[in-house]
Amino acid sequence: MGDYLKIHLSIVGNVPHNVINDVVNTLSKAFHAEVSLSHIDVIPSDLYVPSRAQYRADAINLWLLSKFNRVLRRVNYLVALIEYDAYVPGLNFVFGLASPHLRLASVYLYRLKFLLPPSTEGERILKERVRKEVIHEIGHLLGLNHCPNIYCVMHFSNSIMDTDRKSWKYCSSCAQRIKSSGITLDNDYIL
């Protein structure tokens, strides 16, 4: 049996409660993680780029590091769920950004809400998309790179269709890399 993780989940802005609950349950089950939770109302305005109508994801990760420096002393990783749109130089947008050297990642819900039907089916799809992106970013924090298997959660998503196509599970190769590092991974999260 591997080590269990301590993960702090920070909610930034207006993230639906059912999405938050799904992420907490996913992290708890997938990694046998102890999950703590906090809320932040706003991101500093100097991290916003008006000409793009987006935030800089890399700058947000540095801001998260400064804001949660004390929390990061007692947890393994920090994951922020952020309602806004973000990018990094060289990409038009990101669904998420992991900074393994900082032990934190951010997931951006704005584009994960694209093409959702206005119904309970839309709520289910949004929860699944966020779950995939959180598990993907945790994979990066655990040392995984992008995977060529289009169904593996570690496959790069260039569009929302890529996110919808892939699973929220790790392929056997990625799962083995996680387990070989001593981390517990529930079998329900392996293809």
N, C-alpha and C. Protein backbone atom coordinates (compact mmCIF):
# COMPACT_ATOMS: atom_id res chain seq x y z
N MET A 1 0.85 -1.19 0.00
CA MET A 1 0.00 0.00 0.00
C MET A 1 0.89 1.24 0.00
N GLY A 2 0.54 2.21 -0.82
CA GLY A 2 1.35 3.42 -0.94
C GLY A 2 0.96 4.48 0.07
N ASP A 3 1.60 5.62 -0.09
CA ASP A 3 1.33 6.75 0.78
C ASP A 3 0.05 7.44 0.36
N TYR A 4 -0.66 7.98 1.34
CA TYR A 4 -1.83 8.78 1.00
C TYR A 4 -1.39 10.23 0.91
N LEU A 5 -2.14 11.00 0.16
CA LEU A 5 -1.79 12.40 -0.08
C LEU A 5 -2.65 13.33 0.76
N LYS A 6 -2.09 14.48 1.06
CA LYS A 6 -2.85 15.59 1.63
C LYS A 6 -2.92 16.65 0.55
N ILE A 7 -4.15 16.97 0.14
CA ILE A 7 -4.37 17.92 -0.94
C ILE A 7 -5.26 19.04 -0.43
N HIS A 8 -4.85 20.27 -0.68
CA HIS A 8 -5.69 21.42 -0.34
C HIS A 8 -6.37 21.90 -1.62
N LEU A 9 -7.68 22.02 -1.59
CA LEU A 9 -8.47 22.48 -2.72
C LEU A 9 -8.94 23.89 -2.44
N SER A 10 -8.54 24.83 -3.28
CA SER A 10 -8.94 26.22 -3.12
C SER A 10 -9.93 26.57 -4.23
N ILE A 11 -11.05 27.15 -3.83
CA ILE A 11 -12.09 27.53 -4.77
C ILE A 11 -11.99 29.03 -4.99
N VAL A 12 -11.85 29.45 -6.25
CA VAL A 12 -11.71 30.87 -6.57
C VAL A 12 -12.88 31.29 -7.44
N GLY A 13 -13.70 32.18 -6.89
CA GLY A 13 -14.87 32.65 -7.62
C GLY A 13 -16.07 31.75 -7.41
N ASN A 14 -16.97 31.77 -8.37
CA ASN A 14 -18.24 31.08 -8.26
C ASN A 14 -18.17 29.72 -8.95
N VAL A 15 -17.78 28.71 -8.20
CA VAL A 15 -17.70 27.34 -8.70
C VAL A 15 -18.89 26.57 -8.12
N PRO A 16 -19.68 25.89 -8.95
CA PRO A 16 -20.86 25.19 -8.45
C PRO A 16 -20.52 24.18 -7.34
N HIS A 17 -21.39 24.13 -6.33
CA HIS A 17 -21.16 23.23 -5.19
C HIS A 17 -21.07 21.77 -5.61
N ASN A 18 -21.90 21.36 -6.58
CA ASN A 18 -21.85 19.95 -7.00
C ASN A 18 -20.51 19.62 -7.66
N VAL A 19 -19.89 20.59 -8.31
CA VAL A 19 -18.56 20.39 -8.91
C VAL A 19 -17.51 20.25 -7.80
N ILE A 20 -17.59 21.13 -6.81
CA ILE A 20 -16.65 21.07 -5.68
C ILE A 20 -16.76 19.72 -4.98
N ASN A 21 -17.98 19.30 -4.68
CA ASN A 21 -18.19 18.02 -4.00
C ASN A 21 -17.64 16.85 -4.82
N ASP A 22 -17.85 16.90 -6.13
CA ASP A 22 -17.35 15.83 -6.99
C ASP A 22 -15.82 15.78 -6.97
N VAL A 23 -15.17 16.94 -7.00
CA VAL A 23 -13.70 16.97 -6.97
C VAL A 23 -13.18 16.45 -5.64
N VAL A 24 -13.79 16.87 -4.54
CA VAL A 24 -13.36 16.39 -3.21
C VAL A 24 -13.49 14.87 -3.15
N ASN A 25 -14.64 14.35 -3.59
CA ASN A 25 -14.85 12.90 -3.58
C ASN A 25 -13.87 12.17 -4.50
N THR A 26 -13.61 12.74 -5.66
CA THR A 26 -12.67 12.14 -6.61
C THR A 26 -11.27 12.05 -6.03
N LEU A 27 -10.78 13.16 -5.48
CA LEU A 27 -9.43 13.16 -4.90
C LEU A 27 -9.34 12.20 -3.72
N SER A 28 -10.38 12.19 -2.89
CA SER A 28 -10.39 11.29 -1.73
C SER A 28 -10.33 9.83 -2.16
N LYS A 29 -11.14 9.48 -3.16
CA LYS A 29 -11.20 8.09 -3.58
C LYS A 29 -10.00 7.68 -4.43
N ALA A 30 -9.66 8.50 -5.43
CA ALA A 30 -8.60 8.12 -6.37
C ALA A 30 -7.26 7.93 -5.68
N PHE A 31 -6.91 8.85 -4.80
CA PHE A 31 -5.59 8.84 -4.17
C PHE A 31 -5.63 8.55 -2.67
N HIS A 32 -6.81 8.17 -2.17
CA HIS A 32 -7.01 7.98 -0.73
C HIS A 32 -6.53 9.24 -0.01
N ALA A 33 -6.85 10.39 -0.60
CA ALA A 33 -6.33 11.67 -0.12
C ALA A 33 -7.17 12.26 0.99
N GLU A 34 -6.49 12.96 1.85
CA GLU A 34 -7.14 13.81 2.84
C GLU A 34 -7.24 15.19 2.18
N VAL A 35 -8.46 15.69 2.01
CA VAL A 35 -8.68 16.93 1.26
C VAL A 35 -9.19 18.02 2.19
N SER A 36 -8.49 19.16 2.20
CA SER A 36 -8.96 20.35 2.92
C SER A 36 -9.44 21.36 1.88
N LEU A 37 -10.20 22.35 2.33
CA LEU A 37 -10.90 23.23 1.41
C LEU A 37 -10.86 24.67 1.89
N SER A 38 -10.73 25.61 0.94
CA SER A 38 -10.85 27.04 1.26
C SER A 38 -11.46 27.76 0.06
N HIS A 39 -11.95 28.98 0.30
CA HIS A 39 -12.57 29.79 -0.75
C HIS A 39 -11.88 31.14 -0.83
N ILE A 40 -11.71 31.64 -2.04
CA ILE A 40 -11.19 32.99 -2.29
C ILE A 40 -12.18 33.67 -3.22
N ASP A 41 -12.52 34.91 -2.93
CA ASP A 41 -13.50 35.60 -3.76
C ASP A 41 -12.93 36.14 -5.06
N VAL A 42 -11.74 36.73 -5.01
CA VAL A 42 -11.22 37.39 -6.21
C VAL A 42 -9.73 37.13 -6.40
N ILE A 43 -9.31 37.28 -7.63
CA ILE A 43 -7.90 37.22 -8.01
C ILE A 43 -7.42 38.66 -8.17
N PRO A 44 -6.21 38.99 -7.78
CA PRO A 44 -5.71 40.36 -7.97
C PRO A 44 -5.85 40.82 -9.42
N SER A 45 -6.31 42.04 -9.60
CA SER A 45 -6.58 42.56 -10.94
C SER A 45 -5.32 42.68 -11.80
N ASP A 46 -4.15 42.77 -11.18
CA ASP A 46 -2.93 42.89 -12.00
C ASP A 46 -2.56 41.58 -12.70
N LEU A 47 -3.26 40.49 -12.39
CA LEU A 47 -3.02 39.21 -13.08
C LEU A 47 -3.91 39.06 -14.31
N TYR A 48 -4.80 40.04 -14.50
CA TYR A 48 -5.73 40.04 -15.63
C TYR A 48 -5.12 40.81 -16.80
N VAL A 49 -5.30 40.27 -18.01
CA VAL A 49 -4.78 40.92 -19.22
C VAL A 49 -5.98 41.40 -20.04
N PRO A 50 -6.34 42.68 -19.92
CA PRO A 50 -7.55 43.19 -20.58
C PRO A 50 -7.57 42.98 -22.10
N SER A 51 -6.43 43.09 -22.76
CA SER A 51 -6.40 42.93 -24.22
C SER A 51 -6.80 41.52 -24.66
N ARG A 52 -6.67 40.55 -23.76
CA ARG A 52 -7.05 39.17 -24.06
C ARG A 52 -8.32 38.75 -23.34
N ALA A 53 -8.76 39.56 -22.38
CA ALA A 53 -9.90 39.22 -21.52
C ALA A 53 -9.67 37.88 -20.82
N GLN A 54 -8.42 37.67 -20.37
CA GLN A 54 -8.02 36.44 -19.71
C GLN A 54 -7.01 36.75 -18.61
N TYR A 55 -6.86 35.78 -17.71
CA TYR A 55 -5.81 35.85 -16.69
C TYR A 55 -4.58 35.08 -17.18
N ARG A 56 -3.42 35.43 -16.65
CA ARG A 56 -2.18 34.69 -16.91
C ARG A 56 -2.11 33.53 -15.92
N ALA A 57 -2.21 32.31 -16.41
CA ALA A 57 -2.23 31.14 -15.54
C ALA A 57 -0.92 30.98 -14.78
N ASP A 58 0.22 31.26 -15.41
CA ASP A 58 1.49 31.12 -14.72
C ASP A 58 1.62 32.13 -13.59
N ALA A 59 1.11 33.34 -13.80
CA ALA A 59 1.12 34.36 -12.75
C ALA A 59 0.17 33.99 -11.61
N ILE A 60 -0.96 33.39 -11.96
CA ILE A 60 -1.89 32.93 -10.92
C ILE A 60 -1.24 31.86 -10.06
N ASN A 61 -0.50 30.93 -10.67
CA ASN A 61 0.16 29.90 -9.87
C ASN A 61 1.18 30.49 -8.91
N LEU A 62 1.90 31.51 -9.34
CA LEU A 62 2.84 32.19 -8.42
C LEU A 62 2.09 32.92 -7.31
N TRP A 63 0.97 33.53 -7.64
CA TRP A 63 0.14 34.19 -6.63
C TRP A 63 -0.39 33.16 -5.63
N LEU A 64 -0.84 32.00 -6.14
CA LEU A 64 -1.32 30.94 -5.24
C LEU A 64 -0.21 30.50 -4.29
N LEU A 65 1.01 30.40 -4.80
CA LEU A 65 2.14 30.02 -3.95
C LEU A 65 2.31 31.01 -2.81
N SER A 66 2.26 32.30 -3.11
CA SER A 66 2.44 33.30 -2.05
C SER A 66 1.26 33.30 -1.09
N LYS A 67 0.06 33.10 -1.60
CA LYS A 67 -1.14 33.13 -0.76
C LYS A 67 -1.23 31.89 0.13
N PHE A 68 -0.77 30.75 -0.36
CA PHE A 68 -0.93 29.49 0.36
C PHE A 68 0.39 28.90 0.83
N ASN A 69 1.40 29.72 0.98
CA ASN A 69 2.71 29.24 1.41
C ASN A 69 2.63 28.45 2.72
N ARG A 70 1.87 28.94 3.67
CA ARG A 70 1.73 28.22 4.96
C ARG A 70 0.99 26.90 4.79
N VAL A 71 -0.06 26.91 3.98
CA VAL A 71 -0.83 25.69 3.74
C VAL A 71 0.06 24.64 3.08
N LEU A 72 0.90 25.06 2.14
CA LEU A 72 1.77 24.11 1.42
C LEU A 72 2.81 23.47 2.33
N ARG A 73 3.01 24.01 3.51
CA ARG A 73 3.93 23.38 4.47
C ARG A 73 3.33 22.13 5.09
N ARG A 74 2.00 22.04 5.09
CA ARG A 74 1.36 20.90 5.75
C ARG A 74 0.58 19.97 4.80
N VAL A 75 0.60 20.27 3.51
CA VAL A 75 -0.04 19.39 2.53
C VAL A 75 0.98 19.03 1.45
N ASN A 76 0.65 17.99 0.69
CA ASN A 76 1.52 17.61 -0.43
C ASN A 76 1.32 18.52 -1.63
N TYR A 77 0.03 18.84 -1.91
CA TYR A 77 -0.28 19.60 -3.11
C TYR A 77 -1.46 20.55 -2.87
N LEU A 78 -1.49 21.60 -3.68
CA LEU A 78 -2.60 22.54 -3.71
C LEU A 78 -3.19 22.51 -5.12
N VAL A 79 -4.51 22.43 -5.20
CA VAL A 79 -5.21 22.53 -6.48
C VAL A 79 -6.25 23.63 -6.34
N ALA A 80 -6.26 24.57 -7.28
CA ALA A 80 -7.25 25.65 -7.27
C ALA A 80 -8.23 25.44 -8.41
N LEU A 81 -9.53 25.51 -8.08
CA LEU A 81 -10.59 25.51 -9.09
C LEU A 81 -10.98 26.96 -9.29
N ILE A 82 -10.83 27.46 -10.50
CA ILE A 82 -11.00 28.89 -10.77
C ILE A 82 -12.05 29.07 -11.86
N GLU A 83 -13.02 29.94 -11.61
CA GLU A 83 -14.13 30.09 -12.55
C GLU A 83 -13.76 30.81 -13.84
N TYR A 84 -12.61 31.44 -13.91
CA TYR A 84 -12.27 32.34 -15.01
C TYR A 84 -11.52 31.65 -16.15
N ASP A 85 -11.25 32.45 -17.19
CA ASP A 85 -10.50 32.01 -18.37
C ASP A 85 -9.03 32.39 -18.18
N ALA A 86 -8.12 31.55 -18.66
CA ALA A 86 -6.69 31.84 -18.49
C ALA A 86 -5.89 31.30 -19.67
N TYR A 87 -4.67 31.80 -19.78
CA TYR A 87 -3.76 31.37 -20.84
C TYR A 87 -2.33 31.39 -20.31
N VAL A 88 -1.44 30.81 -21.08
CA VAL A 88 0.00 30.97 -20.87
C VAL A 88 0.57 31.40 -22.21
N PRO A 89 1.69 32.12 -22.21
CA PRO A 89 2.29 32.53 -23.48
C PRO A 89 2.52 31.32 -24.39
N GLY A 90 2.11 31.46 -25.64
CA GLY A 90 2.25 30.38 -26.60
C GLY A 90 0.98 29.57 -26.81
N LEU A 91 0.01 29.72 -25.91
CA LEU A 91 -1.27 29.02 -26.05
C LEU A 91 -2.41 30.03 -25.94
N ASN A 92 -3.48 29.79 -26.70
CA ASN A 92 -4.63 30.69 -26.64
C ASN A 92 -5.38 30.60 -25.32
N PHE A 93 -5.35 29.43 -24.71
CA PHE A 93 -6.03 29.21 -23.43
C PHE A 93 -5.48 27.95 -22.80
N VAL A 94 -5.78 27.78 -21.53
CA VAL A 94 -5.48 26.52 -20.84
C VAL A 94 -6.71 26.10 -20.04
N PHE A 95 -6.93 24.80 -19.98
CA PHE A 95 -7.94 24.25 -19.07
C PHE A 95 -7.35 24.16 -17.67
N GLY A 96 -6.05 23.99 -17.60
CA GLY A 96 -5.37 23.89 -16.31
C GLY A 96 -3.88 24.07 -16.50
N LEU A 97 -3.21 24.32 -15.38
CA LEU A 97 -1.75 24.47 -15.42
C LEU A 97 -1.16 23.93 -14.13
N ALA A 98 -0.29 22.94 -14.27
CA ALA A 98 0.42 22.39 -13.12
C ALA A 98 1.81 23.01 -13.04
N SER A 99 2.23 23.30 -11.83
CA SER A 99 3.59 23.77 -11.55
C SER A 99 4.20 22.80 -10.55
N PRO A 100 4.72 21.66 -11.04
CA PRO A 100 5.23 20.63 -10.12
C PRO A 100 6.27 21.14 -9.14
N HIS A 101 7.15 22.04 -9.59
CA HIS A 101 8.19 22.57 -8.70
C HIS A 101 7.59 23.41 -7.56
N LEU A 102 6.37 23.90 -7.75
CA LEU A 102 5.67 24.67 -6.70
C LEU A 102 4.69 23.79 -5.91
N ARG A 103 4.47 22.57 -6.40
CA ARG A 103 3.52 21.62 -5.80
C ARG A 103 2.08 22.12 -5.86
N LEU A 104 1.74 22.82 -6.94
CA LEU A 104 0.37 23.31 -7.08
C LEU A 104 -0.07 23.34 -8.53
N ALA A 105 -1.39 23.35 -8.69
CA ALA A 105 -1.99 23.40 -10.02
C ALA A 105 -3.26 24.23 -9.97
N SER A 106 -3.62 24.79 -11.12
CA SER A 106 -4.86 25.54 -11.24
C SER A 106 -5.68 24.95 -12.38
N VAL A 107 -7.00 24.90 -12.19
CA VAL A 107 -7.92 24.40 -13.21
C VAL A 107 -8.94 25.50 -13.46
N TYR A 108 -9.17 25.82 -14.73
CA TYR A 108 -10.00 26.95 -15.14
C TYR A 108 -11.31 26.45 -15.75
N LEU A 109 -12.43 26.82 -15.15
CA LEU A 109 -13.72 26.29 -15.55
C LEU A 109 -14.35 26.99 -16.74
N TYR A 110 -13.92 28.20 -17.06
CA TYR A 110 -14.58 29.00 -18.09
C TYR A 110 -14.81 28.22 -19.38
N ARG A 111 -13.78 27.65 -19.94
CA ARG A 111 -13.91 26.93 -21.22
C ARG A 111 -14.44 25.51 -21.04
N LEU A 112 -14.39 25.00 -19.83
CA LEU A 112 -14.98 23.68 -19.57
C LEU A 112 -16.50 23.74 -19.62
N LYS A 113 -17.04 24.95 -19.58
CA LYS A 113 -18.50 25.14 -19.66
C LYS A 113 -18.99 25.27 -21.10
N PHE A 114 -18.08 25.28 -22.08
CA PHE A 114 -18.47 25.44 -23.49
C PHE A 114 -19.29 24.24 -23.96
N LEU A 115 -20.27 24.52 -24.81
CA LEU A 115 -21.09 23.50 -25.48
C LEU A 115 -21.84 22.59 -24.51
N LEU A 116 -22.28 23.13 -23.38
CA LEU A 116 -23.05 22.34 -22.43
C LEU A 116 -24.54 22.50 -22.68
N PRO A 117 -25.29 21.41 -22.70
CA PRO A 117 -26.74 21.55 -22.79
C PRO A 117 -27.28 22.15 -21.48
N PRO A 118 -28.31 22.99 -21.55
CA PRO A 118 -28.85 23.61 -20.33
C PRO A 118 -29.78 22.66 -19.58
N SER A 119 -29.20 21.69 -18.92
CA SER A 119 -30.00 20.68 -18.23
C SER A 119 -29.15 19.97 -17.20
N THR A 120 -29.74 18.98 -16.56
CA THR A 120 -28.96 18.18 -15.62
C THR A 120 -27.86 17.41 -16.35
N GLU A 121 -28.07 17.13 -17.64
CA GLU A 121 -27.03 16.49 -18.44
C GLU A 121 -25.82 17.42 -18.56
N GLY A 122 -26.07 18.72 -18.69
CA GLY A 122 -25.00 19.70 -18.74
C GLY A 122 -24.22 19.74 -17.44
N GLU A 123 -24.92 19.63 -16.32
CA GLU A 123 -24.26 19.60 -15.00
C GLU A 123 -23.36 18.37 -14.89
N ARG A 124 -23.85 17.24 -15.37
CA ARG A 124 -23.07 15.99 -15.32
C ARG A 124 -21.81 16.11 -16.17
N ILE A 125 -21.97 16.68 -17.37
CA ILE A 125 -20.82 16.84 -18.27
C ILE A 125 -19.79 17.78 -17.66
N LEU A 126 -20.24 18.89 -17.07
CA LEU A 126 -19.30 19.83 -16.45
C LEU A 126 -18.53 19.15 -15.32
N LYS A 127 -19.22 18.40 -14.46
CA LYS A 127 -18.53 17.69 -13.38
C LYS A 127 -17.48 16.74 -13.94
N GLU A 128 -17.84 16.03 -15.00
CA GLU A 128 -16.90 15.07 -15.59
C GLU A 128 -15.69 15.78 -16.20
N ARG A 129 -15.91 16.90 -16.88
CA ARG A 129 -14.80 17.66 -17.47
C ARG A 129 -13.86 18.18 -16.39
N VAL A 130 -14.42 18.73 -15.33
CA VAL A 130 -13.58 19.25 -14.24
C VAL A 130 -12.82 18.11 -13.59
N ARG A 131 -13.49 16.98 -13.36
CA ARG A 131 -12.83 15.81 -12.78
C ARG A 131 -11.63 15.39 -13.64
N LYS A 132 -11.82 15.34 -14.94
CA LYS A 132 -10.72 14.96 -15.85
C LYS A 132 -9.56 15.93 -15.73
N GLU A 133 -9.85 17.22 -15.73
CA GLU A 133 -8.77 18.21 -15.68
C GLU A 133 -8.04 18.18 -14.34
N VAL A 134 -8.76 17.99 -13.25
CA VAL A 134 -8.11 17.91 -11.93
C VAL A 134 -7.22 16.67 -11.87
N ILE A 135 -7.73 15.53 -12.30
CA ILE A 135 -6.93 14.30 -12.27
C ILE A 135 -5.71 14.45 -13.20
N HIS A 136 -5.90 15.11 -14.34
CA HIS A 136 -4.80 15.36 -15.28
C HIS A 136 -3.71 16.21 -14.62
N GLU A 137 -4.11 17.31 -13.98
CA GLU A 137 -3.12 18.20 -13.36
C GLU A 137 -2.43 17.52 -12.17
N ILE A 138 -3.16 16.73 -11.40
CA ILE A 138 -2.53 15.96 -10.32
C ILE A 138 -1.49 15.00 -10.92
N GLY A 139 -1.81 14.41 -12.06
CA GLY A 139 -0.84 13.54 -12.73
C GLY A 139 0.46 14.28 -13.02
N HIS A 140 0.35 15.52 -13.51
CA HIS A 140 1.57 16.31 -13.74
C HIS A 140 2.30 16.56 -12.42
N LEU A 141 1.56 16.88 -11.37
CA LEU A 141 2.21 17.11 -10.07
C LEU A 141 2.94 15.87 -9.58
N LEU A 142 2.42 14.70 -9.97
CA LEU A 142 3.05 13.43 -9.58
C LEU A 142 4.16 13.01 -10.54
N GLY A 143 4.48 13.85 -11.51
CA GLY A 143 5.60 13.58 -12.40
C GLY A 143 5.26 13.03 -13.77
N LEU A 144 3.98 12.91 -14.09
CA LEU A 144 3.60 12.38 -15.40
C LEU A 144 3.66 13.46 -16.48
N ASN A 145 4.02 13.04 -17.68
CA ASN A 145 3.96 13.90 -18.86
C ASN A 145 2.68 13.58 -19.63
N HIS A 146 2.47 14.25 -20.76
CA HIS A 146 1.31 13.93 -21.58
C HIS A 146 1.48 12.53 -22.18
N CYS A 147 0.35 11.86 -22.34
CA CYS A 147 0.33 10.46 -22.79
C CYS A 147 -0.21 10.38 -24.22
N PRO A 148 0.36 9.51 -25.06
CA PRO A 148 -0.16 9.37 -26.43
C PRO A 148 -1.50 8.62 -26.52
N ASN A 149 -1.88 7.92 -25.45
CA ASN A 149 -3.15 7.19 -25.44
C ASN A 149 -4.30 8.19 -25.36
N ILE A 150 -5.12 8.28 -26.43
CA ILE A 150 -6.16 9.31 -26.49
C ILE A 150 -7.25 9.13 -25.44
N TYR A 151 -7.32 7.97 -24.80
CA TYR A 151 -8.33 7.74 -23.77
C TYR A 151 -7.79 7.96 -22.36
N CYS A 152 -6.49 8.04 -22.23
CA CYS A 152 -5.87 8.27 -20.92
C CYS A 152 -6.12 9.71 -20.48
N VAL A 153 -6.38 9.91 -19.22
CA VAL A 153 -6.62 11.25 -18.69
C VAL A 153 -5.41 12.15 -18.88
N MET A 154 -4.22 11.57 -19.07
CA MET A 154 -3.01 12.38 -19.26
C MET A 154 -2.80 12.80 -20.72
N HIS A 155 -3.71 12.43 -21.60
CA HIS A 155 -3.61 12.89 -22.99
C HIS A 155 -3.87 14.40 -23.03
N PHE A 156 -3.10 15.13 -23.82
CA PHE A 156 -3.24 16.58 -23.93
C PHE A 156 -4.58 16.94 -24.58
N SER A 157 -5.29 17.89 -23.99
CA SER A 157 -6.54 18.37 -24.57
C SER A 157 -6.30 19.70 -25.26
N ASN A 158 -6.38 19.68 -26.58
CA ASN A 158 -6.24 20.90 -27.37
C ASN A 158 -7.58 21.60 -27.55
N SER A 159 -8.66 20.88 -27.27
CA SER A 159 -10.01 21.42 -27.42
C SER A 159 -10.93 20.71 -26.42
N ILE A 160 -12.13 21.24 -26.27
CA ILE A 160 -13.09 20.62 -25.35
C ILE A 160 -13.49 19.24 -25.87
N MET A 161 -13.44 19.03 -27.19
CA MET A 161 -13.76 17.71 -27.73
C MET A 161 -12.73 16.67 -27.29
N ASP A 162 -11.46 17.08 -27.21
CA ASP A 162 -10.42 16.17 -26.70
C ASP A 162 -10.71 15.79 -25.26
N THR A 163 -11.12 16.78 -24.47
CA THR A 163 -11.45 16.51 -23.06
C THR A 163 -12.63 15.56 -22.97
N ASP A 164 -13.65 15.78 -23.79
CA ASP A 164 -14.83 14.92 -23.75
C ASP A 164 -14.51 13.49 -24.20
N ARG A 165 -13.58 13.33 -25.13
CA ARG A 165 -13.25 12.00 -25.65
C ARG A 165 -12.48 11.16 -24.63
N LYS A 166 -11.55 11.79 -23.94
CA LYS A 166 -10.70 10.99 -23.04
C LYS A 166 -11.46 10.61 -21.77
N SER A 167 -10.92 9.63 -21.10
CA SER A 167 -11.49 9.13 -19.85
C SER A 167 -10.98 9.96 -18.67
N TRP A 168 -11.55 9.74 -17.51
CA TRP A 168 -11.02 10.35 -16.28
C TRP A 168 -10.12 9.34 -15.55
N LYS A 169 -9.63 8.35 -16.31
CA LYS A 169 -8.77 7.31 -15.73
C LYS A 169 -7.39 7.35 -16.38
N TYR A 170 -6.40 6.86 -15.64
CA TYR A 170 -5.04 6.74 -16.16
C TYR A 170 -4.91 5.43 -16.92
N CYS A 171 -4.16 5.44 -18.01
CA CYS A 171 -3.85 4.18 -18.69
C CYS A 171 -2.95 3.35 -17.77
N SER A 172 -2.77 2.09 -18.10
CA SER A 172 -1.98 1.22 -17.22
C SER A 172 -0.54 1.70 -17.07
N SER A 173 0.03 2.27 -18.13
CA SER A 173 1.40 2.76 -18.08
C SER A 173 1.53 3.95 -17.13
N CYS A 174 0.63 4.92 -17.25
CA CYS A 174 0.67 6.09 -16.36
C CYS A 174 0.36 5.69 -14.92
N ALA A 175 -0.60 4.78 -14.76
CA ALA A 175 -0.94 4.32 -13.41
C ALA A 175 0.25 3.63 -12.75
N GLN A 176 0.98 2.84 -13.53
CA GLN A 176 2.15 2.14 -12.99
C GLN A 176 3.21 3.13 -12.53
N ARG A 177 3.39 4.21 -13.29
CA ARG A 177 4.37 5.23 -12.89
C ARG A 177 3.97 5.88 -11.57
N ILE A 178 2.67 6.13 -11.39
CA ILE A 178 2.21 6.72 -10.13
C ILE A 178 2.45 5.74 -8.99
N LYS A 179 2.02 4.50 -9.18
CA LYS A 179 2.17 3.50 -8.12
C LYS A 179 3.63 3.22 -7.78
N SER A 180 4.49 3.23 -8.80
CA SER A 180 5.91 2.93 -8.54
C SER A 180 6.58 4.05 -7.74
N SER A 181 5.96 5.22 -7.69
CA SER A 181 6.51 6.30 -6.88
C SER A 181 6.03 6.21 -5.43
N GLY A 182 5.21 5.18 -5.13
CA GLY A 182 4.75 4.98 -3.77
C GLY A 182 3.41 5.60 -3.45
N ILE A 183 2.74 6.16 -4.45
CA ILE A 183 1.44 6.81 -4.25
C ILE A 183 0.34 5.78 -4.43
N THR A 184 -0.65 5.81 -3.55
CA THR A 184 -1.81 4.94 -3.67
C THR A 184 -2.71 5.46 -4.78
N LEU A 185 -3.13 4.58 -5.68
CA LEU A 185 -4.09 4.93 -6.73
C LEU A 185 -5.16 3.86 -6.76
N ASP A 186 -6.40 4.26 -6.55
CA ASP A 186 -7.52 3.33 -6.55
C ASP A 186 -7.68 2.71 -7.94
N ASN A 187 -7.96 1.42 -8.00
CA ASN A 187 -8.10 0.71 -9.28
C ASN A 187 -9.23 1.24 -10.14
N ASP A 188 -10.23 1.89 -9.55
CA ASP A 188 -11.32 2.47 -10.33
C ASP A 188 -10.85 3.62 -11.21
N TYR A 189 -9.63 4.09 -11.00
CA TYR A 189 -9.08 5.22 -11.76
C TYR A 189 -8.02 4.76 -12.76
N ILE A 190 -8.07 3.46 -13.10
CA ILE A 190 -7.14 2.89 -14.08
C ILE A 190 -7.96 2.27 -15.20
N LEU A 191 -7.61 2.59 -16.45
CA LEU A 191 -8.31 2.01 -17.62
C LEU A 191 -8.15 0.50 -17.66
